[in-house]
Amino acid sequence: MNRLLTVFGLLLVATLASFNAFAQSSALERKLMVEDSYEAPRGRLFNEQAYLRGETYLSQYTNVIVINKAASGSQAQTLRLYTNRQLMLSTYVSTGREDVEYISKVRGVVNKIFKGTTSSHWRHTTRGFYTIKRVHGYNYRSGESKFQMPFAMFFNEQRGLAVHQVPPDLSGGEAAGEAMLGKRASSGCVRVHKSQIQTIHRAVTAADRGIVPVLDTRTGKPKYDQNGKIRYESGYKTIVIVEEY
């Protein structure tokens, strides 16, 4: 009888611990999985025909990079590069997994010493219209996780999101990361195969910086100043559009 009570007690403790862990994970998901106010809704954002005809403000950018972050579909997990309204490249990519990566305190300390993120986070790729903010070369590494991010081109500084080559130092190796292209696999950045990334990087650096219209990240429509005139700013002449359909 005592043995049965002991077993029952252990099972009860395990069940309660499991329930508590589930409740904590659900609470963390509700806290972290919140879209930013600047994020565009799901659906098609890029009107290709209007762009090719030069009917949108996107034509004032030298390069337009269009990414479909959908998990499934004929155009899911793809990137298209347009330069001067000409399609230059289409390739598979990996965007964020769209789940929460849980990092315990112990793992956070270990990752800080070696590699990896130090806190739990939503592995999310934000939808919308974003100009390229900064560009790096082959040797760039993440400031937090210390993983390699060759040819990183940052488009969302608030979330630390960039288009970059599949990290050569991924757990499981670069080949494992390349095998996942066409599927959601990253922490939020957009991973590209090493055979394609330099084409994109060269297009961005060649276009360089200039005066570009300020577009609403949710709609892609121009923003206006207090006098009713379209706002312009100095920035990279490359815009990234992340859609999901």
Protein backbone atom coordinates (compact mmCIF):
# COMPACT_ATOMS: atom_id res chain seq x y z
CA MET A 1 0.00 0.00 0.00
CA ASN A 2 2.80 2.41 0.94
CA ARG A 3 4.52 1.71 -2.37
CA LEU A 4 1.29 2.45 -4.26
CA LEU A 5 0.86 5.71 -2.36
CA THR A 6 4.45 6.66 -3.16
CA VAL A 7 3.97 5.94 -6.87
CA PHE A 8 0.68 7.85 -6.88
CA GLY A 9 2.36 10.78 -5.15
CA LEU A 10 5.19 10.86 -7.67
CA LEU A 11 2.74 10.73 -10.56
CA LEU A 12 0.73 13.58 -9.03
CA VAL A 13 3.86 15.72 -8.58
CA ALA A 14 4.95 15.01 -12.17
CA THR A 15 1.48 15.88 -13.49
CA LEU A 16 1.35 19.14 -11.53
CA ALA A 17 4.87 20.05 -12.68
CA SER A 18 3.94 19.32 -16.29
CA PHE A 19 0.75 21.40 -15.99
CA ASN A 20 2.68 24.27 -14.41
CA ALA A 21 5.29 24.17 -17.18
CA PHE A 22 2.54 24.21 -19.81
CA ALA A 23 0.84 27.16 -18.12
CA GLN A 24 4.13 29.07 -17.95
CA SER A 25 4.91 28.38 -21.62
CA SER A 26 1.42 29.49 -22.67
CA ALA A 27 1.78 32.71 -20.67
CA LEU A 28 5.18 33.37 -22.25
CA GLU A 29 3.77 32.79 -25.74
CA ARG A 30 0.97 35.28 -25.08
CA LYS A 31 3.55 37.81 -23.90
CA LEU A 32 6.03 37.36 -26.75
CA MET A 33 3.84 36.52 -29.75
CA VAL A 34 2.45 40.03 -30.22
CA GLU A 35 2.74 41.71 -33.62
CA ASP A 36 4.16 45.23 -33.69
CA SER A 37 1.84 48.09 -34.60
CA TYR A 38 3.87 48.85 -37.75
CA GLU A 39 3.43 45.32 -39.16
CA ALA A 40 1.36 44.80 -42.31
CA PRO A 41 -1.60 42.38 -42.38
CA ARG A 42 -1.47 38.97 -44.04
CA GLY A 43 -2.08 38.80 -47.77
CA ARG A 44 -0.49 40.09 -50.96
CA LEU A 45 1.29 43.41 -50.51
CA PHE A 46 3.21 43.63 -53.79
CA ASN A 47 1.32 44.53 -56.97
CA GLU A 48 3.80 43.22 -59.52
CA GLN A 49 2.03 44.46 -62.63
CA ALA A 50 1.59 48.00 -61.29
CA TYR A 51 5.25 48.03 -60.26
CA LEU A 52 6.47 46.79 -63.66
CA ARG A 53 4.43 49.54 -65.34
CA GLY A 54 6.03 52.13 -63.06
CA GLU A 55 2.73 53.05 -61.46
CA THR A 56 3.84 52.89 -57.82
CA TYR A 57 6.34 54.72 -55.64
CA LEU A 58 8.35 51.51 -55.49
CA SER A 59 9.82 52.44 -58.88
CA GLN A 60 11.74 55.22 -57.11
CA TYR A 61 13.84 52.49 -55.51
CA THR A 62 16.52 50.82 -57.62
CA ASN A 63 15.92 47.42 -56.03
CA VAL A 64 12.76 45.79 -54.72
CA ILE A 65 13.17 42.55 -52.75
CA VAL A 66 9.91 40.62 -52.32
CA ILE A 67 9.72 37.82 -49.75
CA ASN A 68 6.77 35.50 -49.18
CA LYS A 69 7.00 34.11 -45.65
CA ALA A 70 4.02 31.74 -45.98
CA ALA A 71 4.53 28.20 -44.67
CA SER A 72 2.92 26.57 -47.72
CA GLY A 73 1.84 27.38 -51.26
CA SER A 74 3.45 27.71 -54.69
CA GLN A 75 5.25 30.94 -53.76
CA ALA A 76 5.91 30.11 -50.10
CA GLN A 77 9.38 30.77 -48.70
CA THR A 78 10.65 32.54 -51.80
CA LEU A 79 12.57 35.73 -52.51
CA ARG A 80 12.45 37.74 -55.72
CA LEU A 81 14.87 40.53 -56.58
CA TYR A 82 13.80 43.25 -59.02
CA THR A 83 16.26 45.85 -60.27
CA ASN A 84 14.94 48.82 -62.24
CA ARG A 85 11.63 46.97 -62.69
CA GLN A 86 13.30 43.84 -64.10
CA LEU A 87 13.13 40.46 -62.34
CA MET A 88 16.75 39.51 -61.70
CA LEU A 89 16.51 36.55 -59.34
CA SER A 90 14.05 34.16 -57.70
CA THR A 91 15.14 31.71 -55.04
CA TYR A 92 14.00 29.74 -52.00
CA VAL A 93 14.68 31.15 -48.54
CA SER A 94 14.01 30.35 -44.90
CA THR A 95 12.16 32.89 -42.76
CA GLY A 96 11.32 32.72 -39.04
CA ARG A 97 9.88 29.55 -37.54
CA GLU A 98 7.00 31.59 -36.05
CA ASP A 99 7.27 29.89 -32.67
CA VAL A 100 8.81 30.73 -29.30
CA GLU A 101 12.30 29.51 -28.52
CA TYR A 102 12.49 28.96 -24.78
CA ILE A 103 15.84 29.79 -23.19
CA SER A 104 16.33 28.78 -19.56
CA LYS A 105 18.58 30.85 -17.28
CA VAL A 106 21.24 28.14 -17.37
CA ARG A 107 21.12 27.86 -21.16
CA GLY A 108 21.23 31.64 -21.43
CA VAL A 109 24.49 31.73 -19.46
CA VAL A 110 25.97 28.93 -21.58
CA ASN A 111 24.92 30.66 -24.82
CA LYS A 112 26.46 33.92 -23.63
CA ILE A 113 29.79 32.16 -23.19
CA PHE A 114 29.60 30.24 -26.47
CA LYS A 115 26.94 30.92 -29.14
CA GLY A 116 23.20 31.45 -29.23
CA THR A 117 20.55 33.86 -28.02
CA THR A 118 20.42 34.52 -24.29
CA SER A 119 16.68 35.00 -23.73
CA SER A 120 13.40 33.45 -24.86
CA HIS A 121 12.05 35.08 -28.01
CA TRP A 122 9.47 34.80 -30.79
CA ARG A 123 11.14 33.57 -33.98
CA HIS A 124 9.10 35.93 -36.14
CA THR A 125 9.64 37.65 -39.50
CA THR A 126 7.64 40.88 -39.65
CA ARG A 127 5.45 41.61 -42.66
CA GLY A 128 5.53 44.98 -44.39
CA PHE A 129 7.58 47.48 -46.40
CA TYR A 130 11.10 48.17 -45.08
CA THR A 131 14.04 50.01 -46.59
CA ILE A 132 17.48 48.50 -46.14
CA LYS A 133 19.09 50.19 -43.12
CA ARG A 134 22.65 48.87 -43.09
CA VAL A 135 24.80 46.47 -45.09
CA HIS A 136 27.68 44.24 -44.00
CA GLY A 137 30.21 41.95 -45.68
CA TYR A 138 31.08 38.27 -45.41
CA ASN A 139 32.64 38.40 -41.93
CA TYR A 140 29.69 39.92 -40.07
CA ARG A 141 28.49 38.13 -36.91
CA SER A 142 25.37 38.61 -34.84
CA GLY A 143 26.01 40.91 -31.90
CA GLU A 144 23.91 38.71 -29.60
CA SER A 145 24.13 35.09 -30.74
CA LYS A 146 27.63 35.41 -32.27
CA PHE A 147 26.56 33.25 -35.24
CA GLN A 148 27.89 34.22 -38.65
CA MET A 149 25.56 36.30 -40.85
CA PRO A 150 27.52 36.68 -44.11
CA PHE A 151 26.45 39.60 -46.34
CA ALA A 152 23.79 40.73 -43.85
CA MET A 153 21.45 43.45 -45.12
CA PHE A 154 19.31 44.72 -42.24
CA PHE A 155 15.77 45.85 -42.99
CA ASN A 156 14.16 45.88 -39.51
CA GLU A 157 16.48 47.28 -36.86
CA GLN A 158 13.86 47.09 -34.11
CA ARG A 159 13.67 43.29 -34.45
CA GLY A 160 17.23 42.83 -35.71
CA LEU A 161 16.09 41.25 -38.98
CA ALA A 162 18.30 40.92 -42.04
CA VAL A 163 18.58 39.11 -45.34
CA HIS A 164 21.81 37.08 -45.17
CA GLN A 165 23.55 33.89 -46.22
CA VAL A 166 22.76 30.64 -44.42
CA PRO A 167 25.17 30.77 -41.45
CA PRO A 168 28.17 28.47 -42.09
CA ASP A 169 28.45 27.78 -38.34
CA LEU A 170 24.87 26.62 -37.77
CA SER A 171 24.28 23.74 -35.40
CA GLY A 172 24.28 20.74 -37.71
CA GLY A 173 26.36 22.59 -40.29
CA GLU A 174 25.74 24.88 -43.23
CA ALA A 175 24.45 22.01 -45.38
CA ALA A 176 21.66 21.38 -42.86
CA GLY A 177 20.61 25.03 -43.11
CA GLU A 178 20.68 24.92 -46.90
CA ALA A 179 18.56 21.75 -46.89
CA MET A 180 15.87 23.70 -45.02
CA LEU A 181 15.58 26.44 -47.66
CA GLY A 182 11.97 26.56 -48.81
CA LYS A 183 10.83 25.96 -45.22
CA ARG A 184 10.55 28.13 -42.13
CA ALA A 185 13.75 27.57 -40.19
CA SER A 186 15.32 30.78 -38.86
CA SER A 187 14.97 32.92 -35.74
CA GLY A 188 13.41 35.68 -37.85
CA CYS A 189 16.02 36.66 -40.41
CA VAL A 190 15.76 35.66 -44.07
CA ARG A 191 18.34 33.02 -44.98
CA VAL A 192 19.58 32.74 -48.57
CA HIS A 193 21.80 30.12 -50.26
CA LYS A 194 25.46 31.07 -50.64
CA SER A 195 25.18 30.79 -54.43
CA GLN A 196 22.54 33.57 -54.51
CA ILE A 197 23.31 35.95 -51.66
CA GLN A 198 26.16 37.80 -53.37
CA THR A 199 23.93 38.67 -56.34
CA ILE A 200 21.53 40.36 -53.93
CA HIS A 201 24.33 41.98 -51.93
CA ARG A 202 25.99 43.39 -55.06
CA ALA A 203 22.68 44.84 -56.26
CA VAL A 204 22.12 46.57 -52.92
CA THR A 205 25.63 47.99 -52.69
CA ALA A 206 25.62 49.08 -56.35
CA ALA A 207 22.35 50.96 -55.88
CA ASP A 208 23.86 52.48 -52.74
CA ARG A 209 22.08 55.38 -51.06
CA GLY A 210 20.03 58.28 -52.35
CA ILE A 211 16.84 60.25 -51.80
CA VAL A 212 13.86 57.90 -51.49
CA PRO A 213 10.19 58.34 -50.52
CA VAL A 214 9.17 57.47 -46.96
CA LEU A 215 6.62 54.66 -47.24
CA ASP A 216 4.18 53.40 -44.63
CA THR A 217 5.43 50.00 -43.43
CA ARG A 218 1.87 48.64 -43.32
CA THR A 219 0.59 49.80 -46.72
CA GLY A 220 3.56 50.82 -48.84
CA LYS A 221 1.86 54.16 -49.49
CA PRO A 222 3.90 57.37 -49.20
CA LYS A 223 3.82 59.43 -46.03
CA TYR A 224 3.12 63.16 -46.18
CA ASP A 225 4.51 66.12 -44.25
CA GLN A 226 2.45 68.83 -42.55
CA ASN A 227 2.22 70.72 -45.84
CA GLY A 228 0.69 67.77 -47.66
CA LYS A 229 3.86 66.96 -49.60
CA ILE A 230 5.38 63.50 -49.89
CA ARG A 231 8.18 62.99 -47.41
CA TYR A 232 11.62 62.01 -48.70
CA GLU A 233 14.74 60.94 -46.87
CA SER A 234 18.30 59.81 -47.54
CA GLY A 235 18.64 56.03 -47.40
CA TYR A 236 19.48 52.86 -49.27
CA LYS A 237 17.71 52.65 -52.61
CA THR A 238 16.54 49.11 -51.85
CA ILE A 239 13.23 48.22 -50.25
CA VAL A 240 12.24 44.85 -48.78
CA ILE A 241 8.60 43.73 -48.91
CA VAL A 242 7.65 40.82 -46.66
CA GLU A 243 4.23 39.36 -47.41
CA GLU A 244 2.37 36.20 -46.40
CA TYR A 245 -0.18 34.55 -48.65
